[in-house]
Structure formats: C-alpha cells, structure tokens
PDB file of N, CA and C in Angstrom:
ATOM      1  N   MET A   1     137.024 107.211  91.434  1.00  0.00           N
ATOM      2  CA  MET A   1     135.960 107.233  90.554  1.00  0.00           C
ATOM      3  C   MET A   1     135.068 108.091  90.771  1.00  0.00           C
ATOM      4  N   THR A   2     134.402 108.655  89.670  1.00  0.00           N
ATOM      5  CA  THR A   2     133.958 109.614  89.735  1.00  0.00           C
ATOM      6  C   THR A   2     132.146 109.155  90.426  1.00  0.00           C
ATOM      7  N   GLU A   3     131.280 110.027  90.671  1.00  0.00           N
ATOM      8  CA  GLU A   3     130.130 109.988  91.559  1.00  0.00           C
ATOM      9  C   GLU A   3     129.346 109.300  90.038  1.00  0.00           C
ATOM     10  N   ILE A   4     129.562 109.479  88.773  1.00  0.00           N
ATOM     11  CA  ILE A   4     128.113 108.889  87.792  1.00  0.00           C
ATOM     12  C   ILE A   4     129.167 107.480  87.348  1.00  0.00           C
ATOM     13  N   SER A   5     130.299 107.171  87.773  1.00  0.00           N
ATOM     14  CA  SER A   5     130.931 105.841  87.455  1.00  0.00           C
ATOM     15  C   SER A   5     130.206 105.080  88.850  1.00  0.00           C
ATOM     16  N   LYS A   6     130.105 105.194  89.735  1.00  0.00           N
ATOM     17  CA  LYS A   6     129.889 104.620  91.087  1.00  0.00           C
ATOM     18  C   LYS A   6     128.142 104.327  90.784  1.00  0.00           C
ATOM     19  N   LEU A   7     127.578 105.450  90.381  1.00  0.00           N
ATOM     20  CA  LEU A   7     126.047 105.116  90.056  1.00  0.00           C
ATOM     21  C   LEU A   7     125.926 104.191  88.653  1.00  0.00           C
ATOM     22  N   THR A   8     126.528 104.366  87.823  1.00  0.00           N
ATOM     23  CA  THR A   8     126.625 102.708  86.599  1.00  0.00           C
ATOM     24  C   THR A   8     126.658 101.695  87.079  1.00  0.00           C
ATOM     25  N   GLU A   9     127.918 101.832  87.726  1.00  0.00           N
ATOM     26  CA  GLU A   9     128.125 100.404  88.549  1.00  0.00           C
ATOM     27  C   GLU A   9     126.948  99.832  89.366  1.00  0.00           C
ATOM     28  N   LEU A  10     126.369 100.565  90.440  1.00  0.00           N
ATOM     29  CA  LEU A  10     125.068 100.329  90.806  1.00  0.00           C
ATOM     30  C   LEU A  10     124.121  99.826  90.245  1.00  0.00           C
ATOM     31  N   ARG A  11     123.964 100.575  89.176  1.00  0.00           N
ATOM     32  CA  ARG A  11     122.887 100.309  88.288  1.00  0.00           C
ATOM     33  C   ARG A  11     122.832  98.856  87.393  1.00  0.00           C
ATOM     34  N   LYS A  12     124.120  98.558  87.299  1.00  0.00           N
ATOM     35  CA  LYS A  12     124.314  97.163  86.496  1.00  0.00           C
ATOM     36  C   LYS A  12     124.345  96.367  87.633  1.00  0.00           C
ATOM     37  N   LEU A  13     124.929  96.458  88.712  1.00  0.00           N
ATOM     38  CA  LEU A  13     124.464  95.200  89.752  1.00  0.00           C
ATOM     39  C   LEU A  13     123.127  95.415  89.667  1.00  0.00           C
ATOM     40  N   MET A  14     121.960  96.321  89.742  1.00  0.00           N
ATOM     41  CA  MET A  14     120.787  96.425  90.067  1.00  0.00           C
ATOM     42  C   MET A  14     120.002  95.424  89.060  1.00  0.00           C
ATOM     43  N   GLN A  15     120.253  95.549  87.815  1.00  0.00           N
ATOM     44  CA  GLN A  15     120.246  94.735  86.564  1.00  0.00           C
ATOM     45  C   GLN A  15     120.100  93.669  86.406  1.00  0.00           C
ATOM     46  N   SER A  16     121.567  93.161  86.908  1.00  0.00           N
ATOM     47  CA  SER A  16     121.806  91.850  87.533  1.00  0.00           C
ATOM     48  C   SER A  16     121.133  91.252  87.837  1.00  0.00           C
ATOM     49  N   MET A  17     120.958  91.683  89.354  1.00  0.00           N
ATOM     50  CA  MET A  17     119.959  90.847  90.266  1.00  0.00           C
ATOM     51  C   MET A  17     118.417  90.832  90.033  1.00  0.00           C
ATOM     52  N   GLU A  18     118.174  92.109  89.479  1.00  0.00           N
ATOM     53  CA  GLU A  18     116.526  92.039  88.364  1.00  0.00           C
ATOM     54  C   GLU A  18     116.820  90.742  87.880  1.00  0.00           C
ATOM     55  N   ARG A  19     117.624  90.810  86.687  1.00  0.00           N
ATOM     56  CA  ARG A  19     117.819  89.573  85.672  1.00  0.00           C
ATOM     57  C   ARG A  19     117.621  87.985  86.854  1.00  0.00           C
ATOM     58  N   THR A  20     118.351  87.854  87.409  1.00  0.00           N
ATOM     59  CA  THR A  20     118.371  86.844  88.595  1.00  0.00           C
ATOM     60  C   THR A  20     116.873  86.504  89.088  1.00  0.00           C
ATOM     61  N   LEU A  21     116.584  87.314  89.334  1.00  0.00           N
ATOM     62  CA  LEU A  21     115.397  87.544  90.484  1.00  0.00           C
ATOM     63  C   LEU A  21     114.105  87.379  89.248  1.00  0.00           C
ATOM     64  N   GLY A  22     114.239  87.543  87.901  1.00  0.00           N
ATOM     65  CA  GLY A  22     113.448  87.783  86.756  1.00  0.00           C
ATOM     66  C   GLY A  22     112.352  88.649  87.130  1.00  0.00           C
ATOM     67  N   LEU A  23     112.694  89.909  87.449  1.00  0.00           N
ATOM     68  CA  LEU A  23     111.875  90.940  87.853  1.00  0.00           C
ATOM     69  C   LEU A  23     112.337  91.698  86.283  1.00  0.00           C
ATOM     70  N   GLU A  24     113.195  91.454  85.331  1.00  0.00           N
ATOM     71  CA  GLU A  24     113.199  92.551  84.410  1.00  0.00           C
ATOM     72  C   GLU A  24     112.188  92.338  83.345  1.00  0.00           C
ATOM     73  N   GLN A  25     111.016  91.363  83.540  1.00  0.00           N
ATOM     74  CA  GLN A  25     110.038  91.101  82.586  1.00  0.00           C
ATOM     75  C   GLN A  25     109.114  92.273  83.286  1.00  0.00           C
ATOM     76  N   LEU A  26     109.401  93.294  84.194  1.00  0.00           N
ATOM     77  CA  LEU A  26     108.216  93.833  85.017  1.00  0.00           C
ATOM     78  C   LEU A  26     108.492  95.356  84.576  1.00  0.00           C
ATOM     79  N   SER A  27     107.173  96.650  84.189  1.00  0.00           N
ATOM     80  CA  SER A  27     107.672  97.376  84.051  1.00  0.00           C
ATOM     81  C   SER A  27     108.492  98.205  84.899  1.00  0.00           C
ATOM     82  N   PRO A  28     109.246  99.485  84.838  1.00  0.00           N
ATOM     83  CA  PRO A  28     109.674 100.257  85.865  1.00  0.00           C
ATOM     84  C   PRO A  28     108.612 100.811  86.944  1.00  0.00           C
ATOM     85  N   VAL A  29     107.292 100.821  86.153  1.00  0.00           N
ATOM     86  CA  VAL A  29     106.486 101.096  87.437  1.00  0.00           C
ATOM     87  C   VAL A  29     106.234 100.025  88.630  1.00  0.00           C
ATOM     88  N   GLU A  30     105.908  99.317  88.060  1.00  0.00           N
ATOM     89  CA  GLU A  30     105.687  97.392  88.362  1.00  0.00           C
ATOM     90  C   GLU A  30     106.667  97.411  89.508  1.00  0.00           C
ATOM     91  N   ARG A  31     107.975  97.449  89.064  1.00  0.00           N
ATOM     92  CA  ARG A  31     109.076  96.856  89.776  1.00  0.00           C
ATOM     93  C   ARG A  31     109.044  97.931  90.774  1.00  0.00           C
ATOM     94  N   ASP A  32     108.804  99.374  90.763  1.00  0.00           N
ATOM     95  CA  ASP A  32     108.975 100.443  92.091  1.00  0.00           C
ATOM     96  C   ASP A  32     108.019  99.937  92.815  1.00  0.00           C
ATOM     97  N   ILE A  33     106.667  99.327  92.509  1.00  0.00           N
ATOM     98  CA  ILE A  33     105.395  99.376  93.398  1.00  0.00           C
ATOM     99  C   ILE A  33     105.937  98.034  94.029  1.00  0.00           C
ATOM    100  N   TYR A  34     106.610  96.691  93.057  1.00  0.00           N
ATOM    101  CA  TYR A  34     106.995  95.204  93.473  1.00  0.00           C
ATOM    102  C   TYR A  34     107.887  96.005  94.783  1.00  0.00           C
ATOM    103  N   TYR A  35     108.999  96.480  94.497  1.00  0.00           N
ATOM    104  CA  TYR A  35     109.870  96.989  95.826  1.00  0.00           C
ATOM    105  C   TYR A  35     109.254  97.581  96.882  1.00  0.00           C
ATOM    106  N   ALA A  36     108.317  98.501  97.021  1.00  0.00           N
ATOM    107  CA  ALA A  36     107.705  99.384  97.798  1.00  0.00           C
ATOM    108  C   ALA A  36     106.912  98.459  98.663  1.00  0.00           C
ATOM    109  N   ALA A  37     106.284  97.418  98.112  1.00  0.00           N
ATOM    110  CA  ALA A  37     105.285  96.110  98.864  1.00  0.00           C
ATOM    111  C   ALA A  37     106.304  95.317  99.663  1.00  0.00           C
ATOM    112  N   GLU A  38     107.358  95.294  98.867  1.00  0.00           N
ATOM    113  CA  GLU A  38     108.307  94.117  99.793  1.00  0.00           C
ATOM    114  C   GLU A  38     108.741  94.845 100.992  1.00  0.00           C
ATOM    115  N   GLU A  39     109.336  96.209 100.889  1.00  0.00           N
ATOM    116  CA  GLU A  39     109.537  97.102 102.196  1.00  0.00           C
ATOM    117  C   GLU A  39     108.904  97.153 102.896  1.00  0.00           C
ATOM    118  N   LEU A  40     107.236  97.381 102.517  1.00  0.00           N
ATOM    119  CA  LEU A  40     106.134  97.570 103.731  1.00  0.00           C
ATOM    120  C   LEU A  40     105.851  96.245 104.433  1.00  0.00           C
ATOM    121  N   SER A  41     105.955  95.193 103.579  1.00  0.00           N
ATOM    122  CA  SER A  41     105.409  93.946 103.581  1.00  0.00           C
ATOM    123  C   SER A  41     106.367  93.515 105.159  1.00  0.00           C
ATOM    124  N   LYS A  42     107.396  94.286 105.426  1.00  0.00           N
ATOM    125  CA  LYS A  42     108.439  93.977 106.910  1.00  0.00           C
ATOM    126  C   LYS A  42     107.857  93.946 107.963  1.00  0.00           C
ATOM    127  N   SER A  43     107.263  94.862 107.883  1.00  0.00           N
ATOM    128  CA  SER A  43     106.768  95.400 109.141  1.00  0.00           C
ATOM    129  C   SER A  43     105.124  94.824 109.392  1.00  0.00           C
ATOM    130  N   ASP A  44     104.406  94.317 108.442  1.00  0.00           N
ATOM    131  CA  ASP A  44     103.103  94.177 108.450  1.00  0.00           C
ATOM    132  C   ASP A  44     102.512  92.976 107.340  1.00  0.00           C
ATOM    133  N   ASP A  45     102.361  91.849 107.593  1.00  0.00           N
ATOM    134  CA  ASP A  45     102.177  90.591 106.472  1.00  0.00           C
ATOM    135  C   ASP A  45     101.336  91.483 105.257  1.00  0.00           C
ATOM    136  N   GLU A  46     100.587  92.285 105.514  1.00  0.00           N
ATOM    137  CA  GLU A  46      99.591  93.006 104.409  1.00  0.00           C
ATOM    138  C   GLU A  46     100.224  94.150 104.010  1.00  0.00           C
ATOM    139  N   VAL A  47     100.255  94.760 102.760  1.00  0.00           N
ATOM    140  CA  VAL A  47     100.373  95.957 102.413  1.00  0.00           C
ATOM    141  C   VAL A  47      99.240  96.639 101.888  1.00  0.00           C
ATOM    142  N   ARG A  48      98.838  97.604 102.408  1.00  0.00           N
ATOM    143  CA  ARG A  48      97.631  98.688 102.127  1.00  0.00           C
ATOM    144  C   ARG A  48      98.197  99.497 100.825  1.00  0.00           C
ATOM    145  N   THR A  49      97.107  99.696 100.188  1.00  0.00           N
ATOM    146  CA  THR A  49      97.143 100.060  98.873  1.00  0.00           C
ATOM    147  C   THR A  49      97.513 101.634  98.841  1.00  0.00           C
ATOM    148  N   PHE A  50      97.169 102.383 100.449  1.00  0.00           N
ATOM    149  CA  PHE A  50      97.237 103.946 100.818  1.00  0.00           C
ATOM    150  C   PHE A  50      98.769 103.885 100.940  1.00  0.00           C
ATOM    151  N   GLY A  51      99.203 102.952 101.945  1.00  0.00           N
ATOM    152  CA  GLY A  51     101.002 102.687 102.096  1.00  0.00           C
ATOM    153  C   GLY A  51     101.730 102.748 100.869  1.00  0.00           C
ATOM    154  N   LEU A  52     101.191 102.067  99.816  1.00  0.00           N
ATOM    155  CA  LEU A  52     101.970 102.029  98.718  1.00  0.00           C
ATOM    156  C   LEU A  52     102.287 103.230  97.831  1.00  0.00           C
ATOM    157  N   ILE A  53     101.096 103.857  97.591  1.00  0.00           N
ATOM    158  CA  ILE A  53     100.715 105.076  97.003  1.00  0.00           C
ATOM    159  C   ILE A  53     101.294 106.494  97.488  1.00  0.00           C
ATOM    160  N   GLU A  54     101.725 105.718  98.677  1.00  0.00           N
ATOM    161  CA  GLU A  54     102.369 107.206  99.622  1.00  0.00           C
ATOM    162  C   GLU A  54     103.749 107.154  99.619  1.00  0.00           C
ATOM    163  N   HIS A  55     104.358 105.930  99.066  1.00  0.00           N
ATOM    164  CA  HIS A  55     105.840 105.311  99.423  1.00  0.00           C
ATOM    165  C   HIS A  55     106.585 106.072  98.136  1.00  0.00           C
ATOM    166  N   THR A  56     107.496 106.359  98.584  1.00  0.00           N
ATOM    167  CA  THR A  56     109.192 107.113  98.104  1.00  0.00           C
ATOM    168  C   THR A  56     109.016 106.961  96.531  1.00  0.00           C
ATOM    169  N   LEU A  57     108.862 105.717  96.186  1.00  0.00           N
ATOM    170  CA  LEU A  57     109.242 104.733  95.186  1.00  0.00           C
ATOM    171  C   LEU A  57     108.182 105.053  94.174  1.00  0.00           C
ATOM    172  N   VAL A  58     106.831 105.419  94.601  1.00  0.00           N
ATOM    173  CA  VAL A  58     106.167 105.562  93.465  1.00  0.00           C
ATOM    174  C   VAL A  58     105.458 106.792  93.838  1.00  0.00           C
ATOM    175  N   GLN A  59     105.569 108.263  94.435  1.00  0.00           N
ATOM    176  CA  GLN A  59     104.825 109.171  94.886  1.00  0.00           C
ATOM    177  C   GLN A  59     104.360 109.866  93.448  1.00  0.00           C
ATOM    178  N   SER A  60     105.358 109.691  92.441  1.00  0.00           N
ATOM    179  CA  SER A  60     105.503 110.466  91.136  1.00  0.00           C
ATOM    180  C   SER A  60     104.196 109.732  90.658  1.00  0.00           C
ATOM    181  N   VAL A  61     104.138 108.448  90.703  1.00  0.00           N
ATOM    182  CA  VAL A  61     103.628 108.224  89.454  1.00  0.00           C
ATOM    183  C   VAL A  61     101.941 108.217  89.507  1.00  0.00           C
ATOM    184  N   SER A  62     101.094 108.804  88.582  1.00  0.00           N
ATOM    185  CA  SER A  62     100.338 109.082  88.603  1.00  0.00           C
ATOM    186  C   SER A  62      99.112 107.553  89.080  1.00  0.00           C
ATOM    187  N   ARG A  63      97.901 108.146  89.599  1.00  0.00           N
ATOM    188  CA  ARG A  63      96.948 107.222  90.195  1.00  0.00           C
ATOM    189  C   ARG A  63      96.510 106.451  89.231  1.00  0.00           C
ATOM    190  N   PRO A  64      96.047 106.476  87.974  1.00  0.00           N
ATOM    191  CA  PRO A  64      95.700 105.893  86.986  1.00  0.00           C
ATOM    192  C   PRO A  64      96.722 104.502  86.995  1.00  0.00           C
ATOM    193  N   THR A  65      98.203 104.956  86.467  1.00  0.00           N
ATOM    194  CA  THR A  65      98.896 104.311  86.013  1.00  0.00           C
ATOM    195  C   THR A  65      99.680 103.548  87.319  1.00  0.00           C
ATOM    196  N   PHE A  66      98.960 104.064  88.616  1.00  0.00           N
ATOM    197  CA  PHE A  66      99.694 103.061  89.853  1.00  0.00           C
ATOM    198  C   PHE A  66      98.623 101.937  89.538  1.00  0.00           C
ATOM    199  N   PHE A  67      97.674 102.106  89.362  1.00  0.00           N
ATOM    200  CA  PHE A  67      96.585 101.074  89.657  1.00  0.00           C
ATOM    201  C   PHE A  67      96.675 100.157  88.784  1.00  0.00           C
ATOM    202  N   ARG A  68      96.980 100.641  87.438  1.00  0.00           N
ATOM    203  CA  ARG A  68      97.105  99.474  86.260  1.00  0.00           C
ATOM    204  C   ARG A  68      97.994  98.795  86.521  1.00  0.00           C
ATOM    205  N   ALA A  69      99.016  99.170  87.329  1.00  0.00           N
ATOM    206  CA  ALA A  69     100.307  98.487  87.517  1.00  0.00           C
ATOM    207  C   ALA A  69     100.194  97.319  88.432  1.00  0.00           C
ATOM    208  N   LEU A  70      99.422  97.889  89.799  1.00  0.00           N
ATOM    209  CA  LEU A  70      98.863  97.260  90.443  1.00  0.00           C
ATOM    210  C   LEU A  70      98.110  95.848  90.480  1.00  0.00           C
ATOM    211  N   LYS A  71      97.213  96.622  89.374  1.00  0.00           N
ATOM    212  CA  LYS A  71      96.334  95.232  88.696  1.00  0.00           C
ATOM    213  C   LYS A  71      97.046  94.191  87.947  1.00  0.00           C
ATOM    214  N   SER A  72      98.249  94.473  87.354  1.00  0.00           N
ATOM    215  CA  SER A  72      99.143  93.397  86.676  1.00  0.00           C
ATOM    216  C   SER A  72      99.884  92.644  87.611  1.00  0.00           C
ATOM    217  N   LEU A  73     100.282  93.672  88.278  1.00  0.00           N
ATOM    218  CA  LEU A  73     101.170  92.441  89.814  1.00  0.00           C
ATOM    219  C   LEU A  73     100.380  91.659  90.368  1.00  0.00           C
ATOM    220  N   VAL A  74      99.177  91.659  90.586  1.00  0.00           N
ATOM    221  CA  VAL A  74      98.452  90.496  91.023  1.00  0.00           C
ATOM    222  C   VAL A  74      98.148  89.676  90.143  1.00  0.00           C
ATOM    223  N   GLN A  75      97.810  90.133  88.516  1.00  0.00           N
ATOM    224  CA  GLN A  75      97.600  89.027  87.382  1.00  0.00           C
ATOM    225  C   GLN A  75      99.167  88.129  87.161  1.00  0.00           C
ATOM    226  N   LYS A  76     100.293  88.736  87.333  1.00  0.00           N
ATOM    227  CA  LYS A  76     101.471  88.023  87.265  1.00  0.00           C
ATOM    228  C   LYS A  76     101.765  87.159  88.926  1.00  0.00           C
ATOM    229  N   GLY A  77     100.882  87.287  89.581  1.00  0.00           N
ATOM    230  CA  GLY A  77     100.924  86.676  90.937  1.00  0.00           C
ATOM    231  C   GLY A  77     102.394  87.206  91.946  1.00  0.00           C
ATOM    232  N   TYR A  78     102.756  88.414  91.564  1.00  0.00           N
ATOM    233  CA  TYR A  78     103.874  88.985  92.616  1.00  0.00           C
ATOM    234  C   TYR A  78     103.241  89.481  93.623  1.00  0.00           C
ATOM    235  N   LEU A  79     101.746  90.095  93.797  1.00  0.00           N
ATOM    236  CA  LEU A  79     100.984  90.436  94.566  1.00  0.00           C
ATOM    237  C   LEU A  79      99.521  89.505  94.746  1.00  0.00           C
ATOM    238  N   SER A  80      99.084  89.371  95.970  1.00  0.00           N
ATOM    239  CA  SER A  80      97.577  89.351  96.000  1.00  0.00           C
ATOM    240  C   SER A  80      96.528  89.622  96.995  1.00  0.00           C
ATOM    241  N   GLN A  81      95.398  89.757  96.737  1.00  0.00           N
ATOM    242  CA  GLN A  81      94.579  90.450  97.573  1.00  0.00           C
ATOM    243  C   GLN A  81      94.357  89.440  98.783  1.00  0.00           C
ATOM    244  N   SER A  82      94.220  90.088  99.571  1.00  0.00           N
ATOM    245  CA  SER A  82      94.492  89.451 100.947  1.00  0.00           C
ATOM    246  C   SER A  82      92.625  88.660 100.979  1.00  0.00           C
ATOM    247  N   GLY A  83      92.849  88.050 101.836  1.00  0.00           N
ATOM    248  CA  GLY A  83      91.862  87.273 102.056  1.00  0.00           C
ATOM    249  C   GLY A  83      90.579  87.890 103.353  1.00  0.00           C
ATOM    250  N   THR A  84      91.716  88.894 104.347  1.00  0.00           N
ATOM    251  CA  THR A  84      91.147  89.280 105.108  1.00  0.00           C
ATOM    252  C   THR A  84      90.254  90.994 105.157  1.00  0.00           C
ATOM    253  N   ALA A  85      90.389  91.272 103.706  1.00  0.00           N
ATOM    254  CA  ALA A  85      89.665  92.817 103.566  1.00  0.00           C
ATOM    255  C   ALA A  85      89.017  92.330 102.406  1.00  0.00           C
ATOM    256  N   ASN A  86      87.947  93.599 102.033  1.00  0.00           N
ATOM    257  CA  ASN A  86      87.475  93.189 100.532  1.00  0.00           C
ATOM    258  C   ASN A  86      88.164  93.548  99.224  1.00  0.00           C
ATOM    259  N   ARG A  87      89.097  94.515  99.843  1.00  0.00           N
ATOM    260  CA  ARG A  87      89.945  95.078  98.665  1.00  0.00           C
ATOM    261  C   ARG A  87      91.160  96.259  99.617  1.00  0.00           C
ATOM    262  N   GLY A  88      92.421  96.619  99.125  1.00  0.00           N
ATOM    263  CA  GLY A  88      92.803  97.687  99.250  1.00  0.00           C
ATOM    264  C   GLY A  88      94.123  96.962 100.428  1.00  0.00           C
ATOM    265  N   ARG A  89      94.187  95.605 100.387  1.00  0.00           N
ATOM    266  CA  ARG A  89      94.956  95.200 101.166  1.00  0.00           C
ATOM    267  C   ARG A  89      95.766  93.729 100.247  1.00  0.00           C
ATOM    268  N   TYR A  90      96.827  93.408 100.337  1.00  0.00           N
ATOM    269  CA  TYR A  90      97.821  92.754  99.601  1.00  0.00           C
ATOM    270  C   TYR A  90      98.800  92.119 100.366  1.00  0.00           C
ATOM    271  N   ILE A  91      99.062  91.032  99.530  1.00  0.00           N
ATOM    272  CA  ILE A  91     100.132  90.059 100.038  1.00  0.00           C
ATOM    273  C   ILE A  91     101.211  89.936  99.363  1.00  0.00           C
ATOM    274  N   VAL A  92     102.749  90.079  99.604  1.00  0.00           N
ATOM    275  CA  VAL A  92     103.440  90.281  98.572  1.00  0.00           C
ATOM    276  C   VAL A  92     104.093  88.815  98.639  1.00  0.00           C
ATOM    277  N   HIS A  93     104.173  88.455  97.376  1.00  0.00           N
ATOM    278  CA  HIS A  93     104.609  86.865  96.736  1.00  0.00           C
ATOM    279  C   HIS A  93     106.244  86.922  96.463  1.00  0.00           C
ATOM    280  N   ALA A  94     107.231  86.234  96.763  1.00  0.00           N
ATOM    281  CA  ALA A  94     108.373  86.129  96.561  1.00  0.00           C
ATOM    282  C   ALA A  94     108.511  85.724  94.997  1.00  0.00           C
ATOM    283  N   PRO A  95     109.382  86.661  94.349  1.00  0.00           N
ATOM    284  CA  PRO A  95     109.583  86.292  92.488  1.00  0.00           C
ATOM    285  C   PRO A  95     109.601  84.827  92.468  1.00  0.00           C
ATOM    286  N   ARG A  96     109.402  84.579  91.405  1.00  0.00           N
ATOM    287  CA  ARG A  96     109.442  83.237  90.575  1.00  0.00           C
ATOM    288  C   ARG A  96     110.636  83.030  89.718  1.00  0.00           C
TER     289      ARG A  96
END
C-alpha cells in the first residue's frame, strides 16, 4: 500500500467518524479549533484562547478567521465561555 493510499484510507475513516459525531457541519477551521480545544481540555477543565491560537492545528489560521470560528463554536454549543473568567477561557462540550 502506498503512502497516499494509507492517507486516503485515514481521511475516509476520519470523515466517517466526523459524520457519526455530527462534526461534518463544522467548517474545517471550526473543526480544527474544536479538536485543539478537546486536546487542551484533557489537562485542564478550561481552555484558554492563547493556548488555542498557539496550537499546531490552528497556528496557520489568521486571527480574524480564528475569532469568527471561535464565536461560531460558542453559538453552536461546542464551546462555552467559562463562568470563572470574564473572557478568554472556554469549556469544551461533547458533540451532539
């Protein structure tokens, strides 16, 4: 099996899992932010905006695009602002 064939199979598996979890409705940037938030939330209950911006999955996203996608994830219920801070901290919610 060639490397591209392996990558193709992996991508198909990922699409299937995203469909199962209902994540296919998210834009690619929203998905990457959500994945980053989920990973960062394993070490802490809250995720900080700074940590998300610096995450490998979203480093190449422009700031305006990042903040639009972050706002969209909050509106869609995938993230919520933490009650313990004014802003910049989020809680990750399981996909519905």
